[in-house]
Structures are given as structure tokens and as C-alpha cells.
Amino acid sequence: MASEPLVDLRVVKMVLADLPQVLEIEHLSYPTPWSRRAFVSELTENAYAHYLAAKSGSRLLGYAGMWLVLDEAHITNVAVHPNARRQGVGRLLMETAVQLTEEHGCRTVTLEVRRTNQVAQSLYRSLGFQVMGVRKGYYTDNGEDALIMVRERPPLGDGA
């Protein structure tokens, strides 16, 4: 995929037909990518899973996944094609994901991010996430720590 201007950038629900492009991005983005089977399971067997796809025309530029369980959400993965990074795709995915968690009544959203991934951390902070802890040696490819980031919504009716 060559770097081209983004037109008609939108976020839609991920479907099985998106998986070839999702897997391409997954392999370009992560040293230990998820398998096709893992994504199929998330899309077809996990009632808590919700996956989004960012598209420009017919091109899938990025995706985000989350689990929504009662009043809590956990962002499982976010990735943007290398040629579409720093063009607002990740921000749009995360803003849409946060909006979806709010629509489902989630009060807390959590995610893990590599300690060295300053770009992602900056994006998450701009959306109200704060570092609340560390998972030592979380990433199996190199033993890097993960920062646990959390976004809390104030309770309804407290004036906030």
C-alpha cells in the first residue's frame, strides 16, 4: 500500500472479509502478531469483543479491538498501517472506541502499551488515559514492560 491521501476516512465494524488487510497490518506492526484464527475467534465467538476498522475508500488502514464487560472495557489491540501513520487514523480509531465504550455504559477503559511506545502513550494521554501501573516483562518478544493505562469516567449525577 503506497502512502496516498486519505479520502472518506471512516470507522466501521470489522467483518471477516477485512481479515486479509488486518493480518497484513498486524504482521507489519507487531513482532508477535495475532493469528488469523485469533481474529476469527474474536469476531465470531467472543460476545464481549467489538472490533473496528478504519477505512479510506476500500483500503483498510487500521483497526482497534476491545472487550466490553459490564461497566468496564479493555482495549485489546490497535494498529495502523505504517504508510497511514501520523495522519489521524489511530486517533479516529481510539476516539470511536472510547465513544463506543461510553455508549455501552463503561465507566473504566484499560489498555497496555509498551513502555517505549511514546507516540501511542501521547495519543492515549490526550484522550484522558493515565498510567496506573506496570506489567513487568509483559511482551514475550523482548520482555519489555507494559504500562497499564486507564481512563475513568466520573459517575453520573456528580455534576461532572
N, C-alpha and C. Protein backbone atom coordinates (compact mmCIF):
# COMPACT_ATOMS: atom_id res chain seq x y z
N MET A 1 0.85 -1.18 0.00
CA MET A 1 0.00 0.00 0.00
C MET A 1 0.89 1.23 0.00
N ALA A 2 0.82 1.99 -1.03
CA ALA A 2 1.59 3.23 -1.10
C ALA A 2 0.92 4.29 -0.24
N SER A 3 1.71 5.24 0.22
CA SER A 3 1.16 6.34 1.00
C SER A 3 0.41 7.26 0.07
N GLU A 4 -0.91 7.33 0.24
CA GLU A 4 -1.76 8.15 -0.60
C GLU A 4 -2.61 9.04 0.30
N PRO A 5 -3.14 10.13 -0.23
CA PRO A 5 -4.02 10.97 0.58
C PRO A 5 -5.22 10.17 1.08
N LEU A 6 -5.63 10.44 2.31
CA LEU A 6 -6.78 9.74 2.88
C LEU A 6 -8.04 10.46 2.44
N VAL A 7 -8.94 9.70 1.82
CA VAL A 7 -10.24 10.25 1.43
C VAL A 7 -11.32 9.42 2.11
N ASP A 8 -12.40 10.08 2.48
CA ASP A 8 -13.54 9.37 3.04
C ASP A 8 -13.11 8.48 4.23
N LEU A 9 -12.25 9.00 5.09
CA LEU A 9 -11.80 8.22 6.25
C LEU A 9 -12.97 8.00 7.19
N ARG A 10 -13.24 6.75 7.49
CA ARG A 10 -14.36 6.40 8.35
C ARG A 10 -14.02 5.17 9.17
N VAL A 11 -14.76 4.98 10.26
CA VAL A 11 -14.59 3.80 11.10
C VAL A 11 -15.87 3.00 11.05
N VAL A 12 -15.72 1.72 10.76
CA VAL A 12 -16.86 0.81 10.65
C VAL A 12 -16.58 -0.43 11.49
N LYS A 13 -17.60 -1.24 11.67
CA LYS A 13 -17.43 -2.50 12.37
C LYS A 13 -16.58 -3.44 11.50
N MET A 14 -15.57 -4.07 12.12
CA MET A 14 -14.74 -5.03 11.39
C MET A 14 -15.55 -6.28 11.08
N VAL A 15 -15.36 -6.82 9.88
CA VAL A 15 -16.01 -8.06 9.46
C VAL A 15 -14.95 -9.05 8.98
N LEU A 16 -15.34 -10.31 8.85
CA LEU A 16 -14.38 -11.34 8.45
C LEU A 16 -13.70 -11.02 7.12
N ALA A 17 -14.41 -10.39 6.21
CA ALA A 17 -13.82 -10.05 4.90
C ALA A 17 -12.65 -9.08 5.04
N ASP A 18 -12.54 -8.39 6.18
CA ASP A 18 -11.45 -7.45 6.42
C ASP A 18 -10.15 -8.14 6.81
N LEU A 19 -10.22 -9.41 7.17
CA LEU A 19 -9.05 -10.06 7.78
C LEU A 19 -7.78 -10.09 6.92
N PRO A 20 -7.84 -10.25 5.61
CA PRO A 20 -6.57 -10.21 4.86
C PRO A 20 -5.81 -8.89 5.09
N GLN A 21 -6.51 -7.76 5.05
CA GLN A 21 -5.85 -6.47 5.27
C GLN A 21 -5.46 -6.29 6.75
N VAL A 22 -6.31 -6.77 7.65
CA VAL A 22 -5.99 -6.70 9.09
C VAL A 22 -4.71 -7.48 9.37
N LEU A 23 -4.61 -8.68 8.83
CA LEU A 23 -3.43 -9.52 9.07
C LEU A 23 -2.17 -8.90 8.48
N GLU A 24 -2.30 -8.24 7.33
CA GLU A 24 -1.14 -7.54 6.76
C GLU A 24 -0.65 -6.47 7.74
N ILE A 25 -1.57 -5.66 8.25
CA ILE A 25 -1.21 -4.61 9.20
C ILE A 25 -0.65 -5.22 10.48
N GLU A 26 -1.27 -6.27 10.95
CA GLU A 26 -0.82 -6.95 12.17
C GLU A 26 0.64 -7.40 12.03
N HIS A 27 0.97 -8.01 10.88
CA HIS A 27 2.33 -8.51 10.66
C HIS A 27 3.34 -7.37 10.47
N LEU A 28 2.89 -6.24 9.93
CA LEU A 28 3.78 -5.09 9.77
C LEU A 28 3.98 -4.33 11.08
N SER A 29 3.07 -4.54 12.04
CA SER A 29 3.06 -3.73 13.25
C SER A 29 3.64 -4.41 14.49
N TYR A 30 3.57 -5.73 14.55
CA TYR A 30 3.93 -6.42 15.78
C TYR A 30 4.93 -7.55 15.56
N PRO A 31 5.91 -7.67 16.46
CA PRO A 31 6.87 -8.77 16.36
C PRO A 31 6.24 -10.14 16.64
N THR A 32 5.15 -10.16 17.41
CA THR A 32 4.42 -11.42 17.67
C THR A 32 2.95 -11.19 17.31
N PRO A 33 2.65 -11.22 16.01
CA PRO A 33 1.30 -10.90 15.56
C PRO A 33 0.27 -11.96 15.95
N TRP A 34 -0.97 -11.50 16.08
CA TRP A 34 -2.07 -12.43 16.29
C TRP A 34 -2.27 -13.25 15.02
N SER A 35 -2.80 -14.44 15.19
CA SER A 35 -3.08 -15.33 14.06
C SER A 35 -4.46 -15.00 13.47
N ARG A 36 -4.67 -15.50 12.27
CA ARG A 36 -5.99 -15.36 11.64
C ARG A 36 -7.04 -15.99 12.55
N ARG A 37 -6.72 -17.14 13.10
CA ARG A 37 -7.66 -17.86 13.97
C ARG A 37 -8.05 -17.01 15.18
N ALA A 38 -7.09 -16.29 15.75
CA ALA A 38 -7.39 -15.44 16.91
C ALA A 38 -8.42 -14.37 16.54
N PHE A 39 -8.23 -13.73 15.38
CA PHE A 39 -9.18 -12.71 14.95
C PHE A 39 -10.54 -13.32 14.63
N VAL A 40 -10.54 -14.48 13.96
CA VAL A 40 -11.82 -15.13 13.66
C VAL A 40 -12.56 -15.45 14.95
N SER A 41 -11.86 -15.95 15.93
CA SER A 41 -12.47 -16.26 17.22
C SER A 41 -13.05 -15.01 17.87
N GLU A 42 -12.30 -13.92 17.84
CA GLU A 42 -12.79 -12.68 18.43
C GLU A 42 -14.06 -12.20 17.72
N LEU A 43 -14.07 -12.29 16.40
CA LEU A 43 -15.21 -11.79 15.62
C LEU A 43 -16.43 -12.69 15.66
N THR A 44 -16.24 -13.98 15.88
CA THR A 44 -17.37 -14.91 15.76
C THR A 44 -17.74 -15.63 17.05
N GLU A 45 -16.84 -15.69 18.02
CA GLU A 45 -17.11 -16.49 19.21
C GLU A 45 -17.14 -15.70 20.52
N ASN A 46 -16.56 -14.52 20.55
CA ASN A 46 -16.44 -13.76 21.79
C ASN A 46 -17.54 -12.68 21.83
N ALA A 47 -18.55 -12.92 22.64
CA ALA A 47 -19.68 -11.98 22.73
C ALA A 47 -19.26 -10.64 23.30
N TYR A 48 -18.14 -10.58 24.01
CA TYR A 48 -17.67 -9.33 24.61
C TYR A 48 -16.81 -8.50 23.66
N ALA A 49 -16.37 -9.10 22.56
CA ALA A 49 -15.42 -8.45 21.65
C ALA A 49 -16.14 -7.54 20.66
N HIS A 50 -15.53 -6.38 20.46
CA HIS A 50 -16.01 -5.41 19.47
C HIS A 50 -14.77 -4.91 18.72
N TYR A 51 -14.79 -5.04 17.39
CA TYR A 51 -13.64 -4.65 16.58
C TYR A 51 -14.06 -3.61 15.55
N LEU A 52 -13.20 -2.62 15.40
CA LEU A 52 -13.44 -1.51 14.49
C LEU A 52 -12.38 -1.52 13.39
N ALA A 53 -12.75 -1.04 12.22
CA ALA A 53 -11.81 -0.91 11.10
C ALA A 53 -11.88 0.50 10.56
N ALA A 54 -10.72 1.12 10.38
CA ALA A 54 -10.63 2.44 9.76
C ALA A 54 -10.38 2.23 8.28
N LYS A 55 -11.22 2.84 7.46
CA LYS A 55 -11.11 2.65 6.01
C LYS A 55 -11.09 3.98 5.29
N SER A 56 -10.36 3.97 4.19
CA SER A 56 -10.35 5.08 3.24
C SER A 56 -10.65 4.45 1.89
N GLY A 57 -11.82 4.73 1.36
CA GLY A 57 -12.24 4.02 0.17
C GLY A 57 -12.39 2.55 0.53
N SER A 58 -11.76 1.67 -0.23
CA SER A 58 -11.82 0.23 0.07
C SER A 58 -10.60 -0.24 0.88
N ARG A 59 -9.66 0.68 1.14
CA ARG A 59 -8.44 0.31 1.87
C ARG A 59 -8.68 0.33 3.37
N LEU A 60 -8.29 -0.72 4.03
CA LEU A 60 -8.33 -0.78 5.48
C LEU A 60 -6.99 -0.24 5.96
N LEU A 61 -7.03 0.82 6.77
CA LEU A 61 -5.81 1.49 7.20
C LEU A 61 -5.42 1.16 8.63
N GLY A 62 -6.37 0.68 9.41
CA GLY A 62 -6.08 0.37 10.80
C GLY A 62 -7.27 -0.30 11.45
N TYR A 63 -7.05 -0.77 12.66
CA TYR A 63 -8.12 -1.45 13.39
C TYR A 63 -7.88 -1.30 14.88
N ALA A 64 -8.96 -1.51 15.61
CA ALA A 64 -8.90 -1.50 17.07
C ALA A 64 -9.89 -2.53 17.58
N GLY A 65 -9.49 -3.20 18.65
CA GLY A 65 -10.37 -4.19 19.26
C GLY A 65 -10.53 -3.92 20.74
N MET A 66 -11.66 -4.31 21.27
CA MET A 66 -11.89 -4.14 22.70
C MET A 66 -12.89 -5.17 23.19
N TRP A 67 -12.81 -5.40 24.48
CA TRP A 67 -13.80 -6.23 25.16
C TRP A 67 -14.62 -5.30 26.04
N LEU A 68 -15.94 -5.42 25.95
CA LEU A 68 -16.85 -4.65 26.78
C LEU A 68 -17.55 -5.61 27.73
N VAL A 69 -17.21 -5.52 29.01
CA VAL A 69 -17.74 -6.44 30.02
C VAL A 69 -18.34 -5.60 31.14
N LEU A 70 -19.67 -5.69 31.26
CA LEU A 70 -20.40 -4.89 32.24
C LEU A 70 -20.04 -3.42 32.08
N ASP A 71 -19.49 -2.79 33.12
CA ASP A 71 -19.17 -1.36 33.00
C ASP A 71 -17.68 -1.11 32.80
N GLU A 72 -16.98 -2.13 32.32
CA GLU A 72 -15.55 -1.98 32.05
C GLU A 72 -15.24 -2.36 30.61
N ALA A 73 -14.24 -1.70 30.06
CA ALA A 73 -13.77 -2.01 28.71
C ALA A 73 -12.26 -2.22 28.75
N HIS A 74 -11.78 -3.10 27.90
CA HIS A 74 -10.34 -3.31 27.77
C HIS A 74 -10.00 -3.25 26.28
N ILE A 75 -9.12 -2.33 25.92
CA ILE A 75 -8.65 -2.23 24.54
C ILE A 75 -7.63 -3.35 24.35
N THR A 76 -7.91 -4.27 23.43
CA THR A 76 -7.04 -5.43 23.23
C THR A 76 -5.93 -5.16 22.22
N ASN A 77 -6.25 -4.39 21.18
CA ASN A 77 -5.23 -4.09 20.18
C ASN A 77 -5.63 -2.90 19.33
N VAL A 78 -4.62 -2.20 18.88
CA VAL A 78 -4.78 -1.06 17.98
C VAL A 78 -3.58 -1.09 17.05
N ALA A 79 -3.82 -0.97 15.76
CA ALA A 79 -2.70 -0.92 14.82
C ALA A 79 -3.12 -0.12 13.59
N VAL A 80 -2.15 0.59 13.03
CA VAL A 80 -2.35 1.38 11.82
C VAL A 80 -1.26 0.98 10.82
N HIS A 81 -1.64 0.85 9.57
CA HIS A 81 -0.66 0.52 8.53
C HIS A 81 0.47 1.55 8.58
N PRO A 82 1.73 1.11 8.46
CA PRO A 82 2.86 2.06 8.53
C PRO A 82 2.73 3.25 7.59
N ASN A 83 2.17 3.05 6.40
CA ASN A 83 2.03 4.15 5.44
C ASN A 83 0.92 5.13 5.78
N ALA A 84 0.10 4.79 6.78
CA ALA A 84 -1.02 5.67 7.15
C ALA A 84 -0.83 6.26 8.55
N ARG A 85 0.33 6.02 9.14
CA ARG A 85 0.56 6.54 10.49
C ARG A 85 0.77 8.05 10.46
N ARG A 86 0.46 8.67 11.60
CA ARG A 86 0.59 10.13 11.78
C ARG A 86 -0.30 10.93 10.83
N GLN A 87 -1.44 10.32 10.48
CA GLN A 87 -2.42 11.00 9.64
C GLN A 87 -3.79 11.02 10.30
N GLY A 88 -3.86 10.72 11.59
CA GLY A 88 -5.12 10.79 12.33
C GLY A 88 -5.92 9.50 12.37
N VAL A 89 -5.40 8.44 11.76
CA VAL A 89 -6.14 7.17 11.73
C VAL A 89 -6.24 6.58 13.14
N GLY A 90 -5.12 6.51 13.85
CA GLY A 90 -5.13 5.96 15.21
C GLY A 90 -6.01 6.78 16.13
N ARG A 91 -5.93 8.10 16.02
CA ARG A 91 -6.77 8.98 16.86
C ARG A 91 -8.25 8.71 16.58
N LEU A 92 -8.64 8.64 15.29
CA LEU A 92 -10.04 8.39 14.95
C LEU A 92 -10.49 7.03 15.49
N LEU A 93 -9.65 6.02 15.37
CA LEU A 93 -9.99 4.70 15.92
C LEU A 93 -10.20 4.76 17.42
N MET A 94 -9.27 5.42 18.12
CA MET A 94 -9.36 5.49 19.57
C MET A 94 -10.53 6.35 20.02
N GLU A 95 -10.79 7.47 19.35
CA GLU A 95 -11.94 8.29 19.70
C GLU A 95 -13.24 7.50 19.51
N THR A 96 -13.31 6.74 18.42
CA THR A 96 -14.50 5.93 18.16
C THR A 96 -14.63 4.82 19.20
N ALA A 97 -13.52 4.20 19.55
CA ALA A 97 -13.54 3.14 20.57
C ALA A 97 -14.01 3.70 21.91
N VAL A 98 -13.48 4.84 22.32
CA VAL A 98 -13.89 5.45 23.59
C VAL A 98 -15.38 5.80 23.54
N GLN A 99 -15.83 6.35 22.43
CA GLN A 99 -17.26 6.67 22.30
C GLN A 99 -18.10 5.41 22.43
N LEU A 100 -17.68 4.32 21.81
CA LEU A 100 -18.40 3.05 21.91
C LEU A 100 -18.46 2.56 23.35
N THR A 101 -17.35 2.69 24.08
CA THR A 101 -17.35 2.25 25.48
C THR A 101 -18.35 3.09 26.29
N GLU A 102 -18.42 4.38 26.00
CA GLU A 102 -19.36 5.23 26.72
C GLU A 102 -20.81 4.87 26.38
N GLU A 103 -21.06 4.58 25.10
CA GLU A 103 -22.41 4.19 24.68
C GLU A 103 -22.85 2.90 25.37
N HIS A 104 -21.89 2.04 25.68
CA HIS A 104 -22.20 0.78 26.38
C HIS A 104 -22.20 0.95 27.90
N GLY A 105 -22.03 2.16 28.38
CA GLY A 105 -22.09 2.42 29.81
C GLY A 105 -20.83 2.07 30.58
N CYS A 106 -19.73 1.93 29.87
CA CYS A 106 -18.47 1.59 30.55
C CYS A 106 -17.95 2.80 31.32
N ARG A 107 -17.55 2.57 32.53
CA ARG A 107 -17.01 3.62 33.40
C ARG A 107 -15.48 3.64 33.34
N THR A 108 -14.89 2.49 33.05
CA THR A 108 -13.43 2.35 33.05
C THR A 108 -12.99 1.71 31.74
N VAL A 109 -11.93 2.27 31.15
CA VAL A 109 -11.32 1.68 29.95
C VAL A 109 -9.85 1.48 30.27
N THR A 110 -9.34 0.27 30.02
CA THR A 110 -7.93 -0.02 30.28
C THR A 110 -7.26 -0.49 28.99
N LEU A 111 -5.95 -0.37 28.98
CA LEU A 111 -5.13 -0.91 27.89
C LEU A 111 -3.71 -1.06 28.38
N GLU A 112 -2.93 -1.84 27.67
CA GLU A 112 -1.49 -1.94 27.91
C GLU A 112 -0.77 -1.37 26.70
N VAL A 113 0.36 -0.73 26.97
CA VAL A 113 1.17 -0.15 25.90
C VAL A 113 2.64 -0.34 26.27
N ARG A 114 3.45 -0.60 25.26
CA ARG A 114 4.89 -0.76 25.52
C ARG A 114 5.45 0.49 26.18
N ARG A 115 6.32 0.27 27.13
CA ARG A 115 6.97 1.39 27.84
C ARG A 115 7.67 2.32 26.85
N THR A 116 8.21 1.77 25.75
CA THR A 116 8.96 2.57 24.78
C THR A 116 8.09 3.23 23.71
N ASN A 117 6.80 2.92 23.68
CA ASN A 117 5.93 3.46 22.62
C ASN A 117 5.38 4.82 23.03
N GLN A 118 6.24 5.83 22.93
CA GLN A 118 5.88 7.18 23.34
C GLN A 118 4.77 7.79 22.49
N VAL A 119 4.75 7.47 21.21
CA VAL A 119 3.72 8.02 20.32
C VAL A 119 2.34 7.57 20.77
N ALA A 120 2.18 6.27 21.00
CA ALA A 120 0.88 5.76 21.46
C ALA A 120 0.52 6.31 22.82
N GLN A 121 1.49 6.37 23.73
CA GLN A 121 1.22 6.91 25.06
C GLN A 121 0.71 8.35 24.98
N SER A 122 1.31 9.14 24.11
CA SER A 122 0.89 10.53 23.95
C SER A 122 -0.56 10.60 23.45
N LEU A 123 -0.90 9.77 22.49
CA LEU A 123 -2.27 9.72 21.99
C LEU A 123 -3.23 9.34 23.11
N TYR A 124 -2.90 8.29 23.85
CA TYR A 124 -3.79 7.83 24.91
C TYR A 124 -3.96 8.89 25.99
N ARG A 125 -2.88 9.56 26.35
CA ARG A 125 -2.98 10.64 27.35
C ARG A 125 -3.90 11.76 26.86
N SER A 126 -3.81 12.08 25.57
CA SER A 126 -4.65 13.15 25.02
C SER A 126 -6.13 12.78 25.07
N LEU A 127 -6.42 11.50 25.21
CA LEU A 127 -7.80 11.03 25.29
C LEU A 127 -8.23 10.74 26.73
N GLY A 128 -7.41 11.15 27.68
CA GLY A 128 -7.79 11.02 29.09
C GLY A 128 -7.27 9.80 29.81
N PHE A 129 -6.41 9.02 29.18
CA PHE A 129 -5.83 7.85 29.85
C PHE A 129 -4.66 8.30 30.72
N GLN A 130 -4.49 7.61 31.84
CA GLN A 130 -3.38 7.87 32.75
C GLN A 130 -2.69 6.55 33.06
N VAL A 131 -1.38 6.62 33.28
CA VAL A 131 -0.63 5.42 33.68
C VAL A 131 -1.00 5.08 35.11
N MET A 132 -1.43 3.84 35.31
CA MET A 132 -1.85 3.40 36.65
C MET A 132 -1.02 2.23 37.17
N GLY A 133 -0.14 1.70 36.34
CA GLY A 133 0.67 0.57 36.80
C GLY A 133 1.57 0.06 35.70
N VAL A 134 2.31 -0.99 36.04
CA VAL A 134 3.26 -1.60 35.11
C VAL A 134 3.09 -3.11 35.16
N ARG A 135 3.11 -3.74 34.00
CA ARG A 135 3.18 -5.20 33.93
C ARG A 135 4.61 -5.53 33.51
N LYS A 136 5.39 -6.01 34.45
CA LYS A 136 6.81 -6.32 34.21
C LYS A 136 6.94 -7.47 33.21
N GLY A 137 7.81 -7.29 32.23
CA GLY A 137 8.10 -8.35 31.26
C GLY A 137 6.90 -8.82 30.46
N TYR A 138 5.93 -7.96 30.25
CA TYR A 138 4.66 -8.32 29.61
C TYR A 138 4.82 -8.82 28.18
N TYR A 139 5.69 -8.19 27.42
CA TYR A 139 5.82 -8.54 26.00
C TYR A 139 6.81 -9.68 25.83
N THR A 140 6.32 -10.79 25.27
CA THR A 140 7.11 -12.01 25.19
C THR A 140 8.24 -11.94 24.17
N ASP A 141 8.16 -11.03 23.18
CA ASP A 141 9.19 -10.97 22.16
C ASP A 141 10.51 -10.45 22.72
N ASN A 142 10.45 -9.52 23.69
CA ASN A 142 11.70 -8.96 24.22
C ASN A 142 11.67 -8.70 25.73
N GLY A 143 10.59 -9.12 26.38
CA GLY A 143 10.50 -8.95 27.82
C GLY A 143 10.24 -7.53 28.28
N GLU A 144 9.87 -6.66 27.34
CA GLU A 144 9.61 -5.26 27.69
C GLU A 144 8.40 -5.15 28.62
N ASP A 145 8.45 -4.17 29.50
CA ASP A 145 7.33 -3.89 30.39
C ASP A 145 6.20 -3.22 29.61
N ALA A 146 4.98 -3.41 30.10
CA ALA A 146 3.82 -2.71 29.59
C ALA A 146 3.34 -1.73 30.65
N LEU A 147 3.00 -0.54 30.20
CA LEU A 147 2.34 0.40 31.09
C LEU A 147 0.84 0.12 31.02
N ILE A 148 0.20 0.08 32.18
CA ILE A 148 -1.25 -0.07 32.24
C ILE A 148 -1.82 1.34 32.26
N MET A 149 -2.61 1.65 31.26
CA MET A 149 -3.23 2.97 31.19
C MET A 149 -4.73 2.82 31.37
N VAL A 150 -5.31 3.77 32.11
CA VAL A 150 -6.72 3.70 32.47
C VAL A 150 -7.38 5.04 32.20
N ARG A 151 -8.60 4.96 31.71
CA ARG A 151 -9.45 6.15 31.53
C ARG A 151 -10.71 5.91 32.34
N GLU A 152 -10.97 6.80 33.28
CA GLU A 152 -12.15 6.69 34.15
C GLU A 152 -13.14 7.78 33.78
N ARG A 153 -14.40 7.42 33.75
CA ARG A 153 -15.48 8.40 33.58
C ARG A 153 -16.07 8.69 34.94
N PRO A 154 -16.32 9.96 35.23
CA PRO A 154 -16.93 10.26 36.53
C PRO A 154 -18.33 9.68 36.61
N PRO A 155 -18.79 9.34 37.82
CA PRO A 155 -20.16 8.83 37.97
C PRO A 155 -21.18 9.86 37.50
N LEU A 156 -22.28 9.40 36.96
CA LEU A 156 -23.35 10.29 36.53
C LEU A 156 -23.97 10.96 37.76
N GLY A 157 -24.37 12.20 37.60
CA GLY A 157 -25.07 12.88 38.67
C GLY A 157 -24.17 13.54 39.68
N ASP A 158 -22.85 13.53 39.46
CA ASP A 158 -21.96 14.21 40.44
C ASP A 158 -21.58 15.60 39.97
N GLY A 159 -22.26 16.05 38.92
CA GLY A 159 -22.01 17.40 38.43
C GLY A 159 -20.89 17.46 37.41
N ALA A 160 -20.23 16.35 37.14
CA ALA A 160 -19.11 16.35 36.19
C ALA A 160 -19.59 15.93 34.83
